[in-house]
Structure formats: structure tokens, C-alpha cells
Amino acid sequence: MGLRRVCAVSALAVVALAQAPAPNLTFEVASIKPSQPGATVRGIRPAPGGQRYVAQSWPLRGFIYVAYRLKEEQVVGGPAWMDTDFFDMNAEAAKPSTVDELHVMLQNLLADRFKLKFHHETKEMPVYALTLDKSGAKNLTPNQAKSGGDPWIDQAAVKPLHDKWTGKFAPMEFLAWRLSLILDRPVVDETGLKGGYDFELAFTRELPLGTNPNGLLNGEPIDASGPSVFDALREQLGLRLEAKRGPADILVIDHAEKPSED
């Protein structure tokens, strides 16, 4: 998940002040501390087993868009260090929990340790709707997760521009969110498919802006062959991405503080 500069958002309509997540859902123990300088491994996810949530060298803005399942550009405002200071986290629940419970625990942890305060707004903006193709879904194997740490999509780069995603127990709303992180707009799940699925998705990313298609990328000749993510979803999974306009949730940061040392 790449970290990009957050775009400015204007003409926002305030909907309501954010409600605090359920206070009874908290991690039993949790450590958050500044990352060591020069860390090369970065990431955040629930650990298999559904009892721990871990992060390595991750910024506060990243914690927020993961906790609330938003595209990075949907989290606006806040102090500059939210993008430049990185933190390690190791949080453990009292018992195995669902993925929704783990995310509420993460939301509560951010409010407690970072003194995070925000409000929600909505903005009419371009989105993609993830829908079923007219021929119906295919190559999606129903598979229900046993714990909150199990649903995941592994992302492997076969070679520059060529990605392969392997979904395990992944709900469609999770696939929609992961797609939004590599596309230019939020993705909304409108498939109507419930539960988790196993699947494979192989596609070719678009060339980075300004890249010479006859040049090199990461020291290798550029190979832009293969299906785009739009074509791959339709051909391999029977899903479609339809461009449209719709209301999108915007989370506006009102206050945040750096956490004290554990």
C-alpha cells in the first residue's frame, strides 16, 4: 500500500460529528512506539488467528484509513507529522475476534493513544462501483474465515507492472477497498455477494505517468502486455468496475497528538 500526498478537498458538506467506537471493544494490551530510522519493512494488518493487530513503520494517517476502510485521500487535515512520523504497533485482544471487532479496537486505540478527534463529511465525487458482470461471478470460491485475522489479499509483483493478487476468505467489501488503494477513486461494493471468497487475480498496472514505454522500469525492459485490472476483474472473476458519481465519506481530522512512550 503506497503512501501518497493527501489531496485537498473542498465543498464538503458536514453530515455529523463522529461517534466514538464501542468503548467495551479494546485491546487487552497494546504497544505503540516510534519506528527505528531507516526501516524498510512497512505494513499493517490483523495477524492470523484474529487476536493481534500489528504494524511496522506506519504513519498515523495510514492507521486511520486502514481502521476506517477509506482511501487515503478520504482522510484530510491534521498536523504534518501524521504523514512523516512512523510507528510500530503490537496490540493483542483478550480472545480471538472478528475483523470488524479488531477494527473497532484499533479505532479505540487511536482515540486513546493519539487523542484522535475527527468528524465525518460527505462529498459527491467520482467513484467506481464494483458490480457483477452480466454473465455472473466466476472463480470465486466461498470460504468463511475462522477468525478476524484470516481475511487477506496477498499482493505479489510477478515482474514490473504485473501483479498477482491471491485472496483468502476475502469479503467483496475488502476487495473493493484494496482496489481503491491502486485506483484513482474510491471503490464501492455493489456486488451483493456476502461472506468470504478465495480467488486469484492477475493484471497489468498502467505505466507511471511520464514513463517511456520503450525504456526500462526497475532495470527491466517495460512489458505492458496483459489485461488491465478492469479487464482482469471481468474476465477472471466475473466482476465489473463501473465509473459513476456518488457520495463518499470524508474523515476530517480535528485533533491528534503524538503518543507518549509506552
Protein backbone atom coordinates (compact mmCIF):
# COMPACT_ATOMS: atom_id res chain seq x y z
CA MET A 1 0.00 0.00 0.00
CA GLY A 2 1.74 3.09 -1.21
CA LEU A 3 1.72 6.31 0.73
CA ARG A 4 0.80 9.31 -1.34
CA ARG A 5 0.28 13.01 -0.68
CA VAL A 6 -3.25 13.69 0.51
CA CYS A 7 -5.29 15.73 -1.94
CA ALA A 8 -7.08 18.85 -0.77
CA VAL A 9 -10.87 18.53 -0.55
CA SER A 10 -13.24 21.43 -0.98
CA ALA A 11 -17.01 21.98 -1.00
CA LEU A 12 -17.60 19.46 1.77
CA ALA A 13 -20.99 19.08 3.39
CA VAL A 14 -20.93 18.28 7.08
CA VAL A 15 -23.08 15.26 7.93
CA ALA A 16 -22.49 14.57 11.62
CA LEU A 17 -19.82 14.54 14.27
CA ALA A 18 -18.10 11.18 14.52
CA GLN A 19 -19.42 8.91 17.22
CA ALA A 20 -16.85 7.21 19.42
CA PRO A 21 -16.49 3.48 18.69
CA ALA A 22 -17.87 0.98 21.23
CA PRO A 23 -15.77 1.58 24.39
CA ASN A 24 -16.05 -2.07 25.52
CA LEU A 25 -14.11 -3.27 22.47
CA THR A 26 -10.47 -2.60 23.33
CA PHE A 27 -7.20 -4.48 23.06
CA GLU A 28 -6.11 -6.11 26.31
CA VAL A 29 -2.53 -4.89 25.81
CA ALA A 30 -1.08 -2.60 23.15
CA SER A 31 2.30 -1.04 22.42
CA ILE A 32 2.83 1.88 20.04
CA LYS A 33 6.31 3.35 19.64
CA PRO A 34 8.27 5.34 17.05
CA SER A 35 9.85 3.21 14.35
CA GLN A 36 13.59 2.91 14.03
CA PRO A 37 15.02 5.28 11.37
CA GLY A 38 15.64 3.68 8.00
CA ALA A 39 13.12 0.85 8.42
CA THR A 40 12.48 -0.82 5.06
CA VAL A 41 9.57 -3.10 6.01
CA ARG A 42 6.27 -1.25 6.24
CA GLY A 43 2.79 -2.60 6.70
CA ILE A 44 -0.24 -3.09 8.91
CA ARG A 45 -2.66 -5.99 9.28
CA PRO A 46 -4.51 -8.24 11.72
CA ALA A 47 -2.31 -11.24 12.46
CA PRO A 48 -3.60 -14.74 11.63
CA GLY A 49 -5.66 -16.07 14.50
CA GLY A 50 -7.68 -12.90 14.98
CA GLN A 51 -6.17 -11.91 18.31
CA ARG A 52 -3.39 -9.47 17.35
CA TYR A 53 -3.06 -6.36 15.19
CA VAL A 54 0.46 -5.42 14.14
CA ALA A 55 2.07 -2.55 12.24
CA GLN A 56 5.61 -1.76 11.15
CA SER A 57 6.83 1.72 10.24
CA TRP A 58 3.34 3.07 9.57
CA PRO A 59 2.13 6.71 9.77
CA LEU A 60 -0.92 7.85 11.71
CA ARG A 61 -2.83 8.75 8.53
CA GLY A 62 -2.25 5.18 7.37
CA PHE A 63 -3.58 3.79 10.67
CA ILE A 64 -6.71 5.90 10.19
CA TYR A 65 -7.55 4.95 6.62
CA VAL A 66 -6.99 1.28 7.44
CA ALA A 67 -9.06 1.44 10.64
CA TYR A 68 -11.97 3.10 8.85
CA ARG A 69 -11.52 1.34 5.46
CA LEU A 70 -11.10 4.55 3.46
CA LYS A 71 -8.95 5.58 0.55
CA GLU A 72 -6.01 7.66 1.75
CA GLU A 73 -7.36 10.79 0.08
CA GLN A 74 -10.55 10.47 2.13
CA VAL A 75 -8.63 11.31 5.33
CA VAL A 76 -7.94 15.06 5.32
CA GLY A 77 -6.48 17.66 7.64
CA GLY A 78 -4.35 17.12 10.70
CA PRO A 79 -0.74 18.00 11.56
CA ALA A 80 2.07 17.34 9.06
CA TRP A 81 3.70 14.67 11.27
CA MET A 82 0.74 12.37 10.56
CA ASP A 83 2.43 11.65 7.22
CA THR A 84 6.10 11.87 8.16
CA ASP A 85 6.39 10.14 11.56
CA PHE A 86 6.23 6.34 11.53
CA PHE A 87 5.19 3.97 14.32
CA ASP A 88 5.35 0.29 15.23
CA MET A 89 2.33 -1.30 16.89
CA ASN A 90 1.73 -4.61 18.61
CA ALA A 91 -1.80 -4.92 20.01
CA GLU A 92 -3.43 -8.04 21.43
CA ALA A 93 -7.08 -8.74 22.19
CA ALA A 94 -8.22 -10.86 25.11
CA LYS A 95 -9.57 -13.53 22.73
CA PRO A 96 -9.84 -14.28 19.01
CA SER A 97 -12.11 -11.67 17.43
CA THR A 98 -13.81 -10.89 14.15
CA VAL A 99 -12.23 -8.48 11.70
CA ASP A 100 -14.93 -5.89 12.47
CA GLU A 101 -14.22 -6.19 16.21
CA LEU A 102 -10.48 -5.80 15.61
CA HIS A 103 -11.05 -2.63 13.61
CA VAL A 104 -13.23 -1.14 16.35
CA MET A 105 -10.44 -1.97 18.81
CA LEU A 106 -7.97 -0.20 16.52
CA GLN A 107 -10.26 2.83 16.30
CA ASN A 108 -10.48 2.96 20.11
CA LEU A 109 -6.70 2.60 20.38
CA LEU A 110 -6.13 5.56 18.04
CA ALA A 111 -8.54 7.69 20.08
CA ASP A 112 -6.76 6.72 23.31
CA ARG A 113 -3.08 6.87 22.34
CA PHE A 114 -3.14 9.61 19.69
CA LYS A 115 -6.01 11.60 21.26
CA LEU A 116 -7.56 11.41 17.82
CA LYS A 117 -10.67 13.53 17.21
CA PHE A 118 -12.41 13.98 13.88
CA HIS A 119 -15.75 14.43 12.18
CA HIS A 120 -17.32 12.92 9.08
CA GLU A 121 -18.34 14.85 5.99
CA THR A 122 -19.61 13.68 2.64
CA LYS A 123 -18.62 14.79 -0.81
CA GLU A 124 -20.19 13.95 -4.14
CA MET A 125 -17.27 12.65 -6.15
CA PRO A 126 -16.26 10.13 -8.82
CA VAL A 127 -16.32 6.54 -7.56
CA TYR A 128 -16.18 3.06 -9.04
CA ALA A 129 -18.99 0.63 -8.30
CA LEU A 130 -17.84 -2.99 -8.03
CA THR A 131 -20.69 -4.98 -9.58
CA LEU A 132 -21.40 -8.39 -11.09
CA ASP A 133 -20.83 -8.83 -14.80
CA LYS A 134 -23.91 -9.83 -16.79
CA SER A 135 -22.53 -13.39 -17.03
CA GLY A 136 -22.23 -13.61 -13.22
CA ALA A 137 -19.37 -14.22 -10.81
CA LYS A 138 -16.80 -16.92 -11.54
CA ASN A 139 -13.67 -18.38 -9.95
CA LEU A 140 -14.80 -17.10 -6.56
CA THR A 141 -14.68 -19.99 -4.08
CA PRO A 142 -16.78 -19.35 -0.95
CA ASN A 143 -14.61 -19.78 2.13
CA GLN A 144 -15.54 -18.41 5.51
CA ALA A 145 -12.82 -17.11 7.83
CA LYS A 146 -12.45 -18.71 11.23
CA SER A 147 -11.09 -15.54 12.82
CA GLY A 148 -10.69 -11.83 12.16
CA GLY A 149 -7.05 -12.17 11.16
CA ASP A 150 -7.72 -14.60 8.33
CA PRO A 151 -9.28 -12.50 5.50
CA TRP A 152 -6.44 -11.18 3.37
CA ILE A 153 -5.27 -10.44 -0.16
CA ASP A 154 -1.63 -11.24 -0.84
CA GLN A 155 -0.13 -8.97 -3.50
CA ALA A 156 2.86 -10.24 -5.46
CA ALA A 157 4.73 -8.46 -8.26
CA VAL A 158 5.46 -11.12 -10.89
CA LYS A 159 7.57 -8.53 -12.71
CA PRO A 160 7.37 -4.73 -13.08
CA LEU A 161 3.73 -3.68 -13.73
CA HIS A 162 2.47 -7.28 -13.50
CA ASP A 163 0.63 -8.04 -10.25
CA LYS A 164 -0.98 -11.19 -8.91
CA TRP A 165 -3.46 -10.98 -6.05
CA THR A 166 -4.40 -14.08 -4.05
CA GLY A 167 -7.49 -13.67 -1.91
CA LYS A 168 -8.15 -15.84 1.13
CA PHE A 169 -11.53 -15.62 2.92
CA ALA A 170 -11.81 -12.11 1.42
CA PRO A 171 -15.21 -10.36 1.50
CA MET A 172 -16.14 -8.25 -1.52
CA GLU A 173 -16.08 -5.04 0.52
CA PHE A 174 -12.45 -5.82 1.39
CA LEU A 175 -11.63 -6.41 -2.29
CA ALA A 176 -13.33 -3.10 -3.12
CA TRP A 177 -11.22 -1.26 -0.54
CA ARG A 178 -7.98 -2.85 -1.74
CA LEU A 179 -8.85 -1.89 -5.33
CA SER A 180 -9.45 1.70 -4.25
CA LEU A 181 -5.86 1.88 -2.99
CA ILE A 182 -4.45 1.34 -6.51
CA LEU A 183 -7.10 3.27 -8.45
CA ASP A 184 -7.84 6.96 -8.81
CA ARG A 185 -11.12 6.94 -6.89
CA PRO A 186 -12.92 5.09 -4.08
CA VAL A 187 -14.49 1.72 -4.93
CA VAL A 188 -17.93 0.85 -3.53
CA ASP A 189 -19.04 -2.78 -3.25
CA GLU A 190 -22.36 -3.26 -5.06
CA THR A 191 -21.95 -6.95 -5.91
CA GLY A 192 -24.46 -8.20 -3.36
CA LEU A 193 -22.10 -11.12 -2.63
CA LYS A 194 -21.90 -11.98 1.06
CA GLY A 195 -19.26 -13.83 3.03
CA GLY A 196 -15.63 -14.51 2.16
CA TYR A 197 -14.03 -15.90 -1.01
CA ASP A 198 -10.78 -17.39 -2.26
CA PHE A 199 -9.62 -16.16 -5.67
CA GLU A 200 -6.68 -15.22 -7.87
CA LEU A 201 -6.48 -12.04 -9.93
CA ALA A 202 -3.61 -11.27 -12.33
CA PHE A 203 -3.41 -7.92 -14.11
CA THR A 204 -1.06 -5.31 -15.54
CA ARG A 205 -0.86 -1.89 -13.97
CA GLU A 206 -0.82 1.28 -16.03
CA LEU A 207 2.54 2.84 -16.77
CA PRO A 208 3.52 5.52 -14.25
CA LEU A 209 2.90 9.00 -15.59
CA GLY A 210 5.81 10.20 -17.73
CA THR A 211 7.35 6.73 -18.18
CA ASN A 212 8.82 5.94 -21.60
CA PRO A 213 7.04 2.73 -22.77
CA ASN A 214 10.21 1.77 -24.67
CA GLY A 215 12.50 2.35 -21.71
CA LEU A 216 13.32 0.48 -18.50
CA LEU A 217 11.39 0.10 -15.26
CA ASN A 218 13.30 -1.09 -12.19
CA GLY A 219 16.14 -2.05 -14.54
CA GLU A 220 13.97 -4.27 -16.76
CA PRO A 221 12.51 -3.63 -20.23
CA ILE A 222 8.92 -2.48 -19.91
CA ASP A 223 6.30 -5.12 -20.70
CA ALA A 224 2.85 -3.55 -20.69
CA SER A 225 1.09 -6.60 -22.13
CA GLY A 226 -1.69 -8.37 -20.28
CA PRO A 227 -5.14 -7.33 -19.04
CA SER A 228 -5.80 -4.15 -17.11
CA VAL A 229 -7.37 -4.53 -13.67
CA PHE A 230 -10.72 -3.65 -15.25
CA ASP A 231 -10.45 -6.41 -17.86
CA ALA A 232 -8.97 -8.90 -15.38
CA LEU A 233 -11.85 -8.46 -12.94
CA ARG A 234 -14.39 -9.09 -15.70
CA GLU A 235 -12.57 -11.97 -17.42
CA GLN A 236 -11.20 -13.78 -14.35
CA LEU A 237 -13.80 -13.13 -11.63
CA GLY A 238 -16.94 -12.01 -13.43
CA LEU A 239 -16.87 -8.61 -11.76
CA ARG A 240 -17.03 -5.11 -13.23
CA LEU A 241 -15.87 -1.65 -12.22
CA GLU A 242 -18.40 0.96 -13.32
CA ALA A 243 -17.43 4.64 -13.18
CA LYS A 244 -20.08 6.91 -11.70
CA ARG A 245 -20.58 9.73 -9.21
CA GLY A 246 -21.78 9.16 -5.69
CA PRO A 247 -21.45 10.27 -2.07
CA ALA A 248 -18.15 9.38 -0.44
CA ASP A 249 -17.26 9.53 3.24
CA ILE A 250 -14.59 12.07 4.15
CA LEU A 251 -12.94 11.91 7.57
CA VAL A 252 -11.70 15.33 8.69
CA ILE A 253 -9.06 15.39 11.43
CA ASP A 254 -9.79 17.89 14.21
CA HIS A 255 -7.04 16.92 16.66
CA ALA A 256 -4.16 14.47 17.03
CA GLU A 257 -1.20 14.18 19.40
CA LYS A 258 1.95 12.09 19.23
CA PRO A 259 1.65 9.16 21.64
CA SER A 260 3.75 9.05 24.79
CA GLU A 261 6.35 6.30 25.11
CA ASP A 262 4.87 3.00 26.34
